[in-house]
Amino acid sequence: MRVVVAEDLFLLRDGLVRLLEAHGFAIAAAVDSGPALTRALAEHHVDVAIVDVRLPPSFTDEGLQCALAARRVRPGMPVLVLSQHVERLYARELLADGNGGVGYLLKDRVFDAEQFVDAVRRVAQGGTAMDPQVIQQLLAQRSRNSPLERLTPRELEVIELMAQGRSNAAIAERLVVTERAVAKHTSNIFTKLGLPPSDDDNRRVLAVLAYLEHASS
């Protein structure tokens, strides 16, 4: 898998590059600013972009805006955002088009190399990787009349774990229930979020994106 890394702190950028290379990723570019990220995404067809939200020269949302601009040119380009804090507006912007793999991880909580690499792979393959703290804060903002209001407490637990990228088996283990029970909850979630039966493998991803988009509205 080909990756672009955008991080202005040299030590962190270098660490990410070394970690990804050690796990078989090809680094197409490793950059330290918004303009450099824009050029890298235009020059390289990558499988995923790992982007710090705040990059030079503005140190506001430069990284995210560059990634969003690239997704407008190449719809669905997988993006994994790294941020120092939970910033709802940025998460909402990333999820708004509901197209392609997306992730939002907090830097201070990326302690496990294997989990991080797994998150990068999931996003590159069109899945989701959302930090639990991001999900919790988005949930706190969910509006009335949202489809989320139709979900039971157990269904909310299931879809929250889905948003973290967990499989049905992992969800069943976490909630101490059977995989069959998780499959039933998942089916109910699809129905309540207005996703009709389909053989499309992206249905699970669409459910998570719909959940996160409504949660952030």
N, C-alpha and C. Protein backbone atom coordinates (compact mmCIF):
# COMPACT_ATOMS: atom_id res chain seq x y z
N MET A 1 0.84 -1.21 0.00
CA MET A 1 0.00 0.00 0.00
C MET A 1 0.87 1.26 0.00
N ARG A 2 0.49 2.22 -0.83
CA ARG A 2 1.22 3.48 -0.92
C ARG A 2 0.57 4.53 -0.02
N VAL A 3 1.42 5.24 0.73
CA VAL A 3 0.93 6.16 1.76
C VAL A 3 1.61 7.52 1.62
N VAL A 4 0.83 8.58 1.86
CA VAL A 4 1.38 9.91 2.07
C VAL A 4 1.21 10.26 3.54
N VAL A 5 2.27 10.72 4.17
CA VAL A 5 2.23 11.13 5.58
C VAL A 5 2.44 12.63 5.65
N ALA A 6 1.55 13.34 6.34
CA ALA A 6 1.69 14.79 6.52
C ALA A 6 1.68 15.11 8.01
N GLU A 7 2.83 15.50 8.52
CA GLU A 7 3.01 15.81 9.95
C GLU A 7 4.17 16.79 10.06
N ASP A 8 3.94 17.93 10.75
CA ASP A 8 4.99 18.95 10.80
C ASP A 8 6.08 18.65 11.81
N LEU A 9 5.82 17.84 12.83
CA LEU A 9 6.84 17.51 13.81
C LEU A 9 7.77 16.43 13.25
N PHE A 10 9.03 16.75 13.10
CA PHE A 10 9.96 15.83 12.45
C PHE A 10 10.02 14.46 13.12
N LEU A 11 10.15 14.43 14.43
CA LEU A 11 10.32 13.16 15.13
C LEU A 11 9.09 12.27 14.95
N LEU A 12 7.90 12.87 15.03
CA LEU A 12 6.68 12.08 14.86
C LEU A 12 6.56 11.62 13.40
N ARG A 13 6.84 12.52 12.47
CA ARG A 13 6.76 12.16 11.05
C ARG A 13 7.73 11.01 10.73
N ASP A 14 8.97 11.15 11.22
CA ASP A 14 9.97 10.12 10.97
C ASP A 14 9.57 8.80 11.63
N GLY A 15 8.99 8.89 12.82
CA GLY A 15 8.55 7.68 13.51
C GLY A 15 7.43 6.97 12.75
N LEU A 16 6.48 7.75 12.22
CA LEU A 16 5.39 7.16 11.44
C LEU A 16 5.92 6.48 10.18
N VAL A 17 6.86 7.15 9.52
CA VAL A 17 7.44 6.58 8.30
C VAL A 17 8.14 5.26 8.61
N ARG A 18 8.96 5.23 9.65
CA ARG A 18 9.69 4.01 10.00
C ARG A 18 8.73 2.89 10.39
N LEU A 19 7.70 3.23 11.16
CA LEU A 19 6.73 2.22 11.58
C LEU A 19 6.00 1.63 10.38
N LEU A 20 5.53 2.48 9.48
CA LEU A 20 4.78 2.00 8.32
C LEU A 20 5.67 1.18 7.39
N GLU A 21 6.88 1.62 7.17
CA GLU A 21 7.80 0.87 6.31
C GLU A 21 8.11 -0.50 6.91
N ALA A 22 8.21 -0.56 8.23
CA ALA A 22 8.48 -1.83 8.90
C ALA A 22 7.33 -2.82 8.73
N HIS A 23 6.15 -2.30 8.44
CA HIS A 23 4.97 -3.16 8.25
C HIS A 23 4.59 -3.29 6.78
N GLY A 24 5.52 -2.98 5.90
CA GLY A 24 5.31 -3.27 4.48
C GLY A 24 4.65 -2.19 3.66
N PHE A 25 4.43 -1.00 4.24
CA PHE A 25 3.85 0.10 3.47
C PHE A 25 4.94 0.80 2.65
N ALA A 26 4.56 1.35 1.51
CA ALA A 26 5.47 2.14 0.69
C ALA A 26 5.14 3.61 0.92
N ILE A 27 6.09 4.41 1.33
CA ILE A 27 5.86 5.83 1.61
C ILE A 27 6.08 6.61 0.31
N ALA A 28 5.00 7.09 -0.27
CA ALA A 28 5.08 7.87 -1.51
C ALA A 28 5.66 9.25 -1.23
N ALA A 29 5.32 9.81 -0.07
CA ALA A 29 5.84 11.12 0.33
C ALA A 29 5.60 11.32 1.82
N ALA A 30 6.52 12.04 2.46
CA ALA A 30 6.37 12.43 3.87
C ALA A 30 6.62 13.93 3.92
N VAL A 31 5.59 14.70 4.23
CA VAL A 31 5.67 16.16 4.10
C VAL A 31 5.35 16.85 5.42
N ASP A 32 5.67 18.16 5.47
CA ASP A 32 5.53 18.89 6.74
C ASP A 32 4.68 20.14 6.64
N SER A 33 3.94 20.33 5.51
CA SER A 33 3.13 21.54 5.37
C SER A 33 1.94 21.28 4.46
N GLY A 34 0.96 22.20 4.51
CA GLY A 34 -0.21 22.08 3.66
C GLY A 34 0.12 22.11 2.18
N PRO A 35 0.88 23.11 1.70
CA PRO A 35 1.23 23.15 0.28
C PRO A 35 1.96 21.89 -0.19
N ALA A 36 2.87 21.37 0.64
CA ALA A 36 3.59 20.15 0.27
C ALA A 36 2.64 18.96 0.20
N LEU A 37 1.65 18.92 1.10
CA LEU A 37 0.66 17.84 1.07
C LEU A 37 -0.17 17.92 -0.21
N THR A 38 -0.59 19.12 -0.58
CA THR A 38 -1.37 19.29 -1.80
C THR A 38 -0.60 18.77 -3.01
N ARG A 39 0.69 19.13 -3.09
CA ARG A 39 1.51 18.67 -4.22
C ARG A 39 1.66 17.15 -4.20
N ALA A 40 1.88 16.59 -3.02
CA ALA A 40 2.09 15.14 -2.91
C ALA A 40 0.85 14.37 -3.34
N LEU A 41 -0.33 14.84 -2.92
CA LEU A 41 -1.57 14.15 -3.27
C LEU A 41 -1.90 14.30 -4.75
N ALA A 42 -1.43 15.38 -5.36
CA ALA A 42 -1.65 15.57 -6.80
C ALA A 42 -0.70 14.70 -7.62
N GLU A 43 0.51 14.50 -7.10
CA GLU A 43 1.53 13.77 -7.84
C GLU A 43 1.44 12.26 -7.68
N HIS A 44 0.93 11.80 -6.54
CA HIS A 44 0.94 10.36 -6.24
C HIS A 44 -0.49 9.83 -6.07
N HIS A 45 -0.75 8.69 -6.68
CA HIS A 45 -2.03 8.00 -6.46
C HIS A 45 -1.82 7.05 -5.29
N VAL A 46 -2.24 7.46 -4.11
CA VAL A 46 -1.95 6.69 -2.91
C VAL A 46 -3.17 5.94 -2.42
N ASP A 47 -2.92 4.93 -1.60
CA ASP A 47 -4.00 4.13 -1.03
C ASP A 47 -4.59 4.78 0.20
N VAL A 48 -3.83 5.62 0.88
CA VAL A 48 -4.33 6.32 2.06
C VAL A 48 -3.42 7.50 2.38
N ALA A 49 -4.02 8.58 2.86
CA ALA A 49 -3.27 9.75 3.33
C ALA A 49 -3.42 9.83 4.85
N ILE A 50 -2.30 9.92 5.56
CA ILE A 50 -2.31 10.09 7.00
C ILE A 50 -1.96 11.55 7.27
N VAL A 51 -2.91 12.29 7.83
CA VAL A 51 -2.81 13.75 7.83
C VAL A 51 -3.03 14.34 9.22
N ASP A 52 -2.09 15.16 9.63
CA ASP A 52 -2.27 15.97 10.84
C ASP A 52 -3.24 17.11 10.49
N VAL A 53 -4.20 17.38 11.36
CA VAL A 53 -5.17 18.45 11.08
C VAL A 53 -4.47 19.79 10.92
N ARG A 54 -3.58 20.11 11.84
CA ARG A 54 -2.96 21.45 11.86
C ARG A 54 -1.55 21.39 11.28
N LEU A 55 -1.40 22.01 10.12
CA LEU A 55 -0.11 22.05 9.43
C LEU A 55 0.25 23.49 9.09
N PRO A 56 1.54 23.76 8.88
CA PRO A 56 1.93 25.08 8.38
C PRO A 56 1.34 25.28 6.97
N PRO A 57 1.11 26.52 6.55
CA PRO A 57 1.54 27.74 7.25
C PRO A 57 0.53 28.28 8.26
N SER A 58 -0.72 27.85 8.22
CA SER A 58 -1.74 28.48 9.06
C SER A 58 -1.82 27.88 10.46
N PHE A 59 -1.46 26.59 10.59
CA PHE A 59 -1.60 25.86 11.85
C PHE A 59 -3.03 25.90 12.39
N THR A 60 -4.01 25.94 11.49
CA THR A 60 -5.42 25.85 11.90
C THR A 60 -5.96 24.51 11.44
N ASP A 61 -6.55 24.47 10.25
CA ASP A 61 -7.05 23.21 9.72
C ASP A 61 -6.45 22.93 8.34
N GLU A 62 -5.23 23.40 8.15
CA GLU A 62 -4.57 23.30 6.85
C GLU A 62 -4.53 21.87 6.31
N GLY A 63 -4.14 20.93 7.17
CA GLY A 63 -4.01 19.54 6.74
C GLY A 63 -5.33 18.96 6.29
N LEU A 64 -6.37 19.18 7.10
CA LEU A 64 -7.68 18.64 6.75
C LEU A 64 -8.22 19.26 5.47
N GLN A 65 -8.07 20.57 5.30
CA GLN A 65 -8.59 21.22 4.10
C GLN A 65 -7.87 20.72 2.86
N CYS A 66 -6.59 20.45 2.94
CA CYS A 66 -5.86 19.89 1.80
C CYS A 66 -6.39 18.50 1.46
N ALA A 67 -6.64 17.69 2.49
CA ALA A 67 -7.16 16.34 2.27
C ALA A 67 -8.56 16.40 1.66
N LEU A 68 -9.41 17.31 2.15
CA LEU A 68 -10.76 17.44 1.61
C LEU A 68 -10.72 17.90 0.16
N ALA A 69 -9.81 18.81 -0.16
CA ALA A 69 -9.67 19.27 -1.55
C ALA A 69 -9.25 18.12 -2.45
N ALA A 70 -8.35 17.27 -1.96
CA ALA A 70 -7.90 16.12 -2.74
C ALA A 70 -9.04 15.13 -2.95
N ARG A 71 -9.91 14.98 -1.93
CA ARG A 71 -11.05 14.07 -2.07
C ARG A 71 -12.07 14.60 -3.07
N ARG A 72 -12.12 15.91 -3.24
CA ARG A 72 -13.03 16.45 -4.26
C ARG A 72 -12.52 16.13 -5.66
N VAL A 73 -11.20 16.09 -5.81
CA VAL A 73 -10.61 15.72 -7.09
C VAL A 73 -10.67 14.21 -7.30
N ARG A 74 -10.41 13.48 -6.22
CA ARG A 74 -10.44 12.02 -6.27
C ARG A 74 -11.43 11.53 -5.20
N PRO A 75 -12.73 11.49 -5.56
CA PRO A 75 -13.76 11.11 -4.58
C PRO A 75 -13.45 9.78 -3.89
N GLY A 76 -13.63 9.79 -2.59
CA GLY A 76 -13.44 8.57 -1.83
C GLY A 76 -12.02 8.25 -1.45
N MET A 77 -11.08 9.15 -1.72
CA MET A 77 -9.70 8.89 -1.34
C MET A 77 -9.62 8.67 0.18
N PRO A 78 -9.09 7.53 0.62
CA PRO A 78 -9.05 7.25 2.06
C PRO A 78 -8.15 8.23 2.82
N VAL A 79 -8.67 8.74 3.93
CA VAL A 79 -7.94 9.70 4.75
C VAL A 79 -8.03 9.29 6.22
N LEU A 80 -6.88 9.22 6.86
CA LEU A 80 -6.81 8.98 8.30
C LEU A 80 -6.25 10.24 8.94
N VAL A 81 -7.08 10.90 9.74
CA VAL A 81 -6.69 12.15 10.39
C VAL A 81 -6.08 11.86 11.76
N LEU A 82 -4.98 12.53 12.05
CA LEU A 82 -4.38 12.51 13.38
C LEU A 82 -4.55 13.89 13.98
N SER A 83 -5.01 13.95 15.23
CA SER A 83 -5.25 15.24 15.86
C SER A 83 -4.86 15.19 17.32
N GLN A 84 -4.52 16.36 17.85
CA GLN A 84 -4.17 16.44 19.27
C GLN A 84 -5.40 16.44 20.15
N HIS A 85 -6.53 16.92 19.59
CA HIS A 85 -7.76 17.05 20.37
C HIS A 85 -8.95 16.58 19.54
N VAL A 86 -10.06 16.34 20.21
CA VAL A 86 -11.31 16.03 19.51
C VAL A 86 -11.90 17.34 19.00
N GLU A 87 -11.98 17.48 17.70
CA GLU A 87 -12.52 18.69 17.10
C GLU A 87 -13.70 18.29 16.23
N ARG A 88 -14.92 18.50 16.75
CA ARG A 88 -16.13 17.98 16.11
C ARG A 88 -16.30 18.49 14.68
N LEU A 89 -16.02 19.77 14.47
CA LEU A 89 -16.21 20.36 13.15
C LEU A 89 -15.36 19.63 12.11
N TYR A 90 -14.11 19.33 12.47
CA TYR A 90 -13.23 18.65 11.53
C TYR A 90 -13.73 17.23 11.25
N ALA A 91 -14.16 16.53 12.29
CA ALA A 91 -14.68 15.18 12.11
C ALA A 91 -15.92 15.21 11.22
N ARG A 92 -16.77 16.19 11.44
CA ARG A 92 -18.00 16.29 10.64
C ARG A 92 -17.67 16.57 9.18
N GLU A 93 -16.72 17.45 8.91
CA GLU A 93 -16.34 17.75 7.53
C GLU A 93 -15.81 16.51 6.83
N LEU A 94 -15.00 15.75 7.53
CA LEU A 94 -14.42 14.56 6.94
C LEU A 94 -15.49 13.54 6.59
N LEU A 95 -16.52 13.45 7.42
CA LEU A 95 -17.56 12.44 7.23
C LEU A 95 -18.68 12.90 6.30
N ALA A 96 -18.70 14.17 5.94
CA ALA A 96 -19.86 14.76 5.28
C ALA A 96 -20.25 14.08 3.98
N ASP A 97 -19.27 13.67 3.15
CA ASP A 97 -19.66 13.11 1.87
C ASP A 97 -19.98 11.62 1.94
N GLY A 98 -19.66 10.99 3.09
CA GLY A 98 -20.01 9.58 3.27
C GLY A 98 -19.41 8.67 2.22
N ASN A 99 -18.25 9.03 1.69
CA ASN A 99 -17.68 8.30 0.57
C ASN A 99 -16.22 7.95 0.85
N GLY A 100 -15.90 6.67 0.85
CA GLY A 100 -14.51 6.26 1.03
C GLY A 100 -14.13 6.06 2.48
N GLY A 101 -12.98 5.41 2.68
CA GLY A 101 -12.49 5.13 4.02
C GLY A 101 -12.10 6.39 4.77
N VAL A 102 -12.45 6.44 6.05
CA VAL A 102 -12.12 7.59 6.88
C VAL A 102 -11.70 7.13 8.27
N GLY A 103 -10.83 7.92 8.89
CA GLY A 103 -10.44 7.63 10.25
C GLY A 103 -10.09 8.92 10.97
N TYR A 104 -10.24 8.90 12.30
CA TYR A 104 -9.91 10.07 13.11
C TYR A 104 -9.36 9.53 14.43
N LEU A 105 -8.06 9.65 14.59
CA LEU A 105 -7.41 9.15 15.80
C LEU A 105 -6.73 10.29 16.55
N LEU A 106 -6.76 10.21 17.87
CA LEU A 106 -6.06 11.18 18.70
C LEU A 106 -4.61 10.73 18.89
N LYS A 107 -3.68 11.66 18.66
CA LYS A 107 -2.25 11.31 18.72
C LYS A 107 -1.86 10.70 20.07
N ASP A 108 -2.35 11.30 21.13
CA ASP A 108 -1.93 10.87 22.46
C ASP A 108 -2.44 9.47 22.82
N ARG A 109 -3.39 8.96 22.02
CA ARG A 109 -3.96 7.65 22.33
C ARG A 109 -3.47 6.57 21.37
N VAL A 110 -2.57 6.93 20.49
CA VAL A 110 -2.00 5.93 19.57
C VAL A 110 -0.78 5.33 20.25
N PHE A 111 -1.03 4.39 21.17
CA PHE A 111 0.05 3.79 21.94
C PHE A 111 0.52 2.46 21.34
N ASP A 112 -0.37 1.78 20.66
CA ASP A 112 -0.10 0.43 20.19
C ASP A 112 0.19 0.45 18.70
N ALA A 113 1.39 0.07 18.31
CA ALA A 113 1.80 0.10 16.90
C ALA A 113 0.92 -0.80 16.05
N GLU A 114 0.62 -1.99 16.54
CA GLU A 114 -0.19 -2.93 15.76
C GLU A 114 -1.59 -2.39 15.52
N GLN A 115 -2.18 -1.78 16.55
CA GLN A 115 -3.52 -1.21 16.40
C GLN A 115 -3.52 -0.06 15.41
N PHE A 116 -2.47 0.76 15.46
CA PHE A 116 -2.39 1.88 14.53
C PHE A 116 -2.26 1.38 13.10
N VAL A 117 -1.38 0.44 12.88
CA VAL A 117 -1.19 -0.12 11.54
C VAL A 117 -2.48 -0.77 11.04
N ASP A 118 -3.18 -1.45 11.93
CA ASP A 118 -4.46 -2.06 11.56
C ASP A 118 -5.47 -0.99 11.16
N ALA A 119 -5.47 0.14 11.87
CA ALA A 119 -6.37 1.25 11.54
C ALA A 119 -6.04 1.81 10.16
N VAL A 120 -4.76 1.96 9.85
CA VAL A 120 -4.34 2.46 8.54
C VAL A 120 -4.83 1.52 7.44
N ARG A 121 -4.67 0.22 7.65
CA ARG A 121 -5.11 -0.76 6.65
C ARG A 121 -6.63 -0.71 6.46
N ARG A 122 -7.38 -0.61 7.56
CA ARG A 122 -8.84 -0.57 7.46
C ARG A 122 -9.30 0.62 6.64
N VAL A 123 -8.73 1.79 6.92
CA VAL A 123 -9.11 3.00 6.20
C VAL A 123 -8.74 2.88 4.72
N ALA A 124 -7.55 2.35 4.45
CA ALA A 124 -7.11 2.18 3.06
C ALA A 124 -8.04 1.26 2.29
N GLN A 125 -8.64 0.31 2.99
CA GLN A 125 -9.54 -0.65 2.35
C GLN A 125 -11.00 -0.17 2.33
N GLY A 126 -11.22 1.09 2.71
CA GLY A 126 -12.56 1.65 2.65
C GLY A 126 -13.35 1.59 3.93
N GLY A 127 -12.70 1.18 5.02
CA GLY A 127 -13.39 1.07 6.30
C GLY A 127 -13.23 2.33 7.15
N THR A 128 -13.55 2.19 8.44
CA THR A 128 -13.47 3.31 9.37
C THR A 128 -12.56 2.96 10.54
N ALA A 129 -11.99 3.99 11.13
CA ALA A 129 -11.17 3.83 12.33
C ALA A 129 -11.34 5.10 13.15
N MET A 130 -12.27 5.07 14.07
CA MET A 130 -12.59 6.26 14.86
C MET A 130 -12.20 6.05 16.31
N ASP A 131 -11.50 7.03 16.86
CA ASP A 131 -11.11 6.99 18.26
C ASP A 131 -12.36 7.00 19.13
N PRO A 132 -12.42 6.16 20.16
CA PRO A 132 -13.60 6.13 21.04
C PRO A 132 -13.96 7.49 21.61
N GLN A 133 -12.97 8.33 21.93
CA GLN A 133 -13.28 9.65 22.48
C GLN A 133 -13.97 10.54 21.45
N VAL A 134 -13.57 10.39 20.19
CA VAL A 134 -14.24 11.15 19.13
C VAL A 134 -15.69 10.74 19.04
N ILE A 135 -15.94 9.44 19.05
CA ILE A 135 -17.30 8.93 18.96
C ILE A 135 -18.13 9.41 20.14
N GLN A 136 -17.56 9.36 21.34
CA GLN A 136 -18.30 9.78 22.54
C GLN A 136 -18.73 11.23 22.41
N GLN A 137 -17.84 12.10 21.94
CA GLN A 137 -18.18 13.51 21.84
C GLN A 137 -19.18 13.78 20.73
N LEU A 138 -19.08 13.03 19.63
CA LEU A 138 -20.07 13.18 18.58
C LEU A 138 -21.45 12.71 19.06
N LEU A 139 -21.44 11.63 19.82
CA LEU A 139 -22.70 11.12 20.36
C LEU A 139 -23.37 12.15 21.25
N ALA A 140 -22.58 12.86 22.02
CA ALA A 140 -23.13 13.85 22.95
C ALA A 140 -23.85 14.97 22.22
N GLN A 141 -23.56 15.14 20.92
CA GLN A 141 -24.15 16.22 20.14
C GLN A 141 -25.30 15.76 19.25
N ARG A 142 -25.69 14.48 19.34
CA ARG A 142 -26.70 14.01 18.40
C ARG A 142 -28.02 14.75 18.61
N SER A 143 -28.66 15.06 17.54
CA SER A 143 -29.87 15.90 17.58
C SER A 143 -31.13 15.07 17.77
N ARG A 144 -32.18 15.76 18.21
CA ARG A 144 -33.49 15.13 18.25
C ARG A 144 -33.94 14.90 16.82
N ASN A 145 -34.84 13.96 16.63
CA ASN A 145 -35.36 13.59 15.31
C ASN A 145 -34.29 12.94 14.43
N SER A 146 -33.15 12.62 15.00
CA SER A 146 -32.11 11.91 14.26
C SER A 146 -32.46 10.43 14.21
N PRO A 147 -32.08 9.72 13.14
CA PRO A 147 -32.28 8.27 13.11
C PRO A 147 -31.64 7.57 14.30
N LEU A 148 -30.62 8.20 14.89
CA LEU A 148 -29.98 7.59 16.05
C LEU A 148 -30.93 7.44 17.22
N GLU A 149 -31.95 8.32 17.27
CA GLU A 149 -32.91 8.24 18.37
C GLU A 149 -33.71 6.94 18.32
N ARG A 150 -33.73 6.29 17.16
CA ARG A 150 -34.49 5.05 17.02
C ARG A 150 -33.72 3.84 17.53
N LEU A 151 -32.41 4.02 17.73
CA LEU A 151 -31.60 2.90 18.16
C LEU A 151 -31.73 2.65 19.66
N THR A 152 -31.73 1.38 20.02
CA THR A 152 -31.77 1.02 21.44
C THR A 152 -30.38 1.24 22.04
N PRO A 153 -30.30 1.29 23.38
CA PRO A 153 -28.98 1.44 24.01
C PRO A 153 -27.99 0.37 23.55
N ARG A 154 -28.45 -0.88 23.42
CA ARG A 154 -27.55 -1.95 22.96
C ARG A 154 -27.13 -1.73 21.51
N GLU A 155 -28.04 -1.28 20.67
CA GLU A 155 -27.69 -1.01 19.27
C GLU A 155 -26.68 0.14 19.16
N LEU A 156 -26.80 1.13 20.04
CA LEU A 156 -25.82 2.22 20.06
C LEU A 156 -24.44 1.69 20.46
N GLU A 157 -24.42 0.75 21.42
CA GLU A 157 -23.14 0.15 21.80
C GLU A 157 -22.52 -0.59 20.63
N VAL A 158 -23.37 -1.33 19.90
CA VAL A 158 -22.87 -2.12 18.77
C VAL A 158 -22.31 -1.21 17.68
N ILE A 159 -23.06 -0.16 17.32
CA ILE A 159 -22.60 0.68 16.22
C ILE A 159 -21.39 1.53 16.64
N GLU A 160 -21.29 1.84 17.92
CA GLU A 160 -20.09 2.56 18.39
C GLU A 160 -18.87 1.68 18.21
N LEU A 161 -18.99 0.39 18.52
CA LEU A 161 -17.87 -0.53 18.35
C LEU A 161 -17.60 -0.78 16.86
N MET A 162 -18.65 -0.79 16.04
CA MET A 162 -18.47 -0.89 14.60
C MET A 162 -17.66 0.29 14.08
N ALA A 163 -17.96 1.48 14.61
CA ALA A 163 -17.26 2.69 14.17
C ALA A 163 -15.78 2.64 14.52
N GLN A 164 -15.44 1.90 15.58
CA GLN A 164 -14.03 1.74 15.93
C GLN A 164 -13.33 0.75 15.02
N GLY A 165 -14.13 0.08 14.15
CA GLY A 165 -13.56 -0.86 13.19
C GLY A 165 -13.58 -2.30 13.67
N ARG A 166 -14.33 -2.60 14.72
CA ARG A 166 -14.35 -3.97 15.26
C ARG A 166 -15.25 -4.88 14.44
N SER A 167 -14.86 -6.13 14.31
CA SER A 167 -15.65 -7.14 13.62
C SER A 167 -16.79 -7.60 14.51
N ASN A 168 -17.74 -8.36 13.93
CA ASN A 168 -18.84 -8.90 14.75
C ASN A 168 -18.30 -9.79 15.87
N ALA A 169 -17.27 -10.58 15.56
CA ALA A 169 -16.70 -11.47 16.58
C ALA A 169 -16.10 -10.65 17.73
N ALA A 170 -15.41 -9.57 17.39
CA ALA A 170 -14.80 -8.72 18.42
C ALA A 170 -15.86 -8.00 19.24
N ILE A 171 -16.94 -7.58 18.58
CA ILE A 171 -18.05 -6.92 19.28
C ILE A 171 -18.71 -7.89 20.24
N ALA A 172 -18.94 -9.12 19.77
CA ALA A 172 -19.56 -10.14 20.62
C ALA A 172 -18.71 -10.40 21.85
N GLU A 173 -17.40 -10.48 21.67
CA GLU A 173 -16.50 -10.72 22.80
C GLU A 173 -16.54 -9.55 23.78
N ARG A 174 -16.55 -8.33 23.24
CA ARG A 174 -16.55 -7.13 24.10
C ARG A 174 -17.85 -7.03 24.91
N LEU A 175 -18.99 -7.33 24.27
CA LEU A 175 -20.29 -7.18 24.93
C LEU A 175 -20.75 -8.46 25.64
N VAL A 176 -19.94 -9.52 25.51
CA VAL A 176 -20.25 -10.82 26.13
C VAL A 176 -21.63 -11.32 25.64
N VAL A 177 -21.78 -11.36 24.33
CA VAL A 177 -22.98 -11.90 23.70
C VAL A 177 -22.52 -12.78 22.54
N THR A 178 -23.48 -13.45 21.89
CA THR A 178 -23.13 -14.30 20.76
C THR A 178 -22.98 -13.47 19.48
N GLU A 179 -22.26 -14.03 18.51
CA GLU A 179 -22.14 -13.36 17.22
C GLU A 179 -23.50 -13.26 16.54
N ARG A 180 -24.34 -14.26 16.79
CA ARG A 180 -25.68 -14.23 16.22
C ARG A 180 -26.47 -13.03 16.74
N ALA A 181 -26.32 -12.73 18.03
CA ALA A 181 -27.00 -11.57 18.62
C ALA A 181 -26.47 -10.28 18.00
N VAL A 182 -25.17 -10.20 17.80
CA VAL A 182 -24.58 -9.01 17.18
C VAL A 182 -25.11 -8.85 15.76
N ALA A 183 -25.19 -9.95 15.01
CA ALA A 183 -25.70 -9.90 13.64
C ALA A 183 -27.15 -9.39 13.62
N LYS A 184 -27.95 -9.79 14.61
CA LYS A 184 -29.34 -9.33 14.69
C LYS A 184 -29.38 -7.83 14.98
N HIS A 185 -28.56 -7.38 15.93
CA HIS A 185 -28.50 -5.94 16.23
C HIS A 185 -28.05 -5.15 15.00
N THR A 186 -27.07 -5.69 14.29
CA THR A 186 -26.55 -5.01 13.10
C THR A 186 -27.64 -4.88 12.04
N SER A 187 -28.41 -5.94 11.85
CA SER A 187 -29.51 -5.90 10.89
C SER A 187 -30.54 -4.84 11.28
N ASN A 188 -30.85 -4.76 12.57
CA ASN A 188 -31.80 -3.74 13.04
C ASN A 188 -31.25 -2.33 12.82
N ILE A 189 -29.96 -2.17 13.02
CA ILE A 189 -29.32 -0.86 12.82
C ILE A 189 -29.44 -0.44 11.36
N PHE A 190 -29.15 -1.37 10.44
CA PHE A 190 -29.25 -1.08 9.01
C PHE A 190 -30.66 -0.59 8.67
N THR A 191 -31.65 -1.29 9.20
CA THR A 191 -33.04 -0.94 8.92
C THR A 191 -33.39 0.44 9.45
N LYS A 192 -33.01 0.71 10.69
CA LYS A 192 -33.36 1.98 11.32
C LYS A 192 -32.63 3.17 10.70
N LEU A 193 -31.47 2.91 10.11
CA LEU A 193 -30.72 3.99 9.44
C LEU A 193 -31.08 4.10 7.96
N GLY A 194 -32.07 3.32 7.54
CA GLY A 194 -32.56 3.44 6.17
C GLY A 194 -31.66 2.82 5.12
N LEU A 195 -30.93 1.77 5.50
CA LEU A 195 -30.06 1.07 4.55
C LEU A 195 -30.70 -0.28 4.21
N PRO A 196 -31.33 -0.40 3.05
CA PRO A 196 -32.05 -1.63 2.68
C PRO A 196 -31.10 -2.80 2.49
N PRO A 197 -31.62 -4.02 2.53
CA PRO A 197 -30.77 -5.21 2.33
C PRO A 197 -29.98 -5.10 1.03
N SER A 198 -28.72 -5.52 1.09
CA SER A 198 -27.84 -5.40 -0.07
C SER A 198 -26.69 -6.36 0.09
N ASP A 199 -26.13 -6.80 -1.04
CA ASP A 199 -24.95 -7.67 -1.01
C ASP A 199 -23.67 -6.85 -0.99
N ASP A 200 -23.82 -5.53 -1.02
CA ASP A 200 -22.65 -4.64 -1.07
C ASP A 200 -21.88 -4.69 0.25
N ASP A 201 -20.59 -5.00 0.18
CA ASP A 201 -19.77 -5.08 1.39
C ASP A 201 -19.65 -3.74 2.09
N ASN A 202 -19.93 -2.64 1.39
CA ASN A 202 -19.79 -1.31 1.99
C ASN A 202 -20.99 -0.94 2.87
N ARG A 203 -21.98 -1.79 2.95
CA ARG A 203 -23.18 -1.45 3.73
C ARG A 203 -22.83 -1.17 5.19
N ARG A 204 -21.94 -1.94 5.74
CA ARG A 204 -21.51 -1.75 7.13
C ARG A 204 -20.83 -0.39 7.28
N VAL A 205 -19.96 -0.05 6.32
CA VAL A 205 -19.29 1.24 6.36
C VAL A 205 -20.29 2.37 6.22
N LEU A 206 -21.25 2.21 5.32
CA LEU A 206 -22.27 3.25 5.13
C LEU A 206 -23.07 3.47 6.41
N ALA A 207 -23.35 2.39 7.12
CA ALA A 207 -24.09 2.50 8.39
C ALA A 207 -23.29 3.31 9.40
N VAL A 208 -22.01 3.01 9.50
CA VAL A 208 -21.14 3.74 10.44
C VAL A 208 -21.05 5.20 10.05
N LEU A 209 -20.88 5.48 8.76
CA LEU A 209 -20.77 6.86 8.32
C LEU A 209 -22.06 7.63 8.56
N ALA A 210 -23.21 6.97 8.30
CA ALA A 210 -24.50 7.61 8.57
C ALA A 210 -24.64 7.91 10.06
N TYR A 211 -24.24 6.96 10.87
CA TYR A 211 -24.28 7.13 12.33
C TYR A 211 -23.43 8.31 12.77
N LEU A 212 -22.19 8.36 12.29
CA LEU A 212 -21.28 9.41 12.70
C LEU A 212 -21.71 10.77 12.17
N GLU A 213 -22.24 10.78 10.93
CA GLU A 213 -22.67 12.06 10.36
C GLU A 213 -23.85 12.63 11.15
N HIS A 214 -24.83 11.75 11.49
CA HIS A 214 -25.98 12.22 12.28
C HIS A 214 -25.54 12.59 13.69
N ALA A 215 -24.57 11.84 14.23
CA ALA A 215 -24.11 12.14 15.58
C ALA A 215 -23.43 13.50 15.65
N SER A 216 -22.81 13.92 14.55
CA SER A 216 -22.08 15.18 14.57
C SER A 216 -22.92 16.36 14.16
N SER A 217 -24.20 16.12 13.81
CA SER A 217 -25.05 17.22 13.35
C SER A 217 -25.75 17.91 14.51
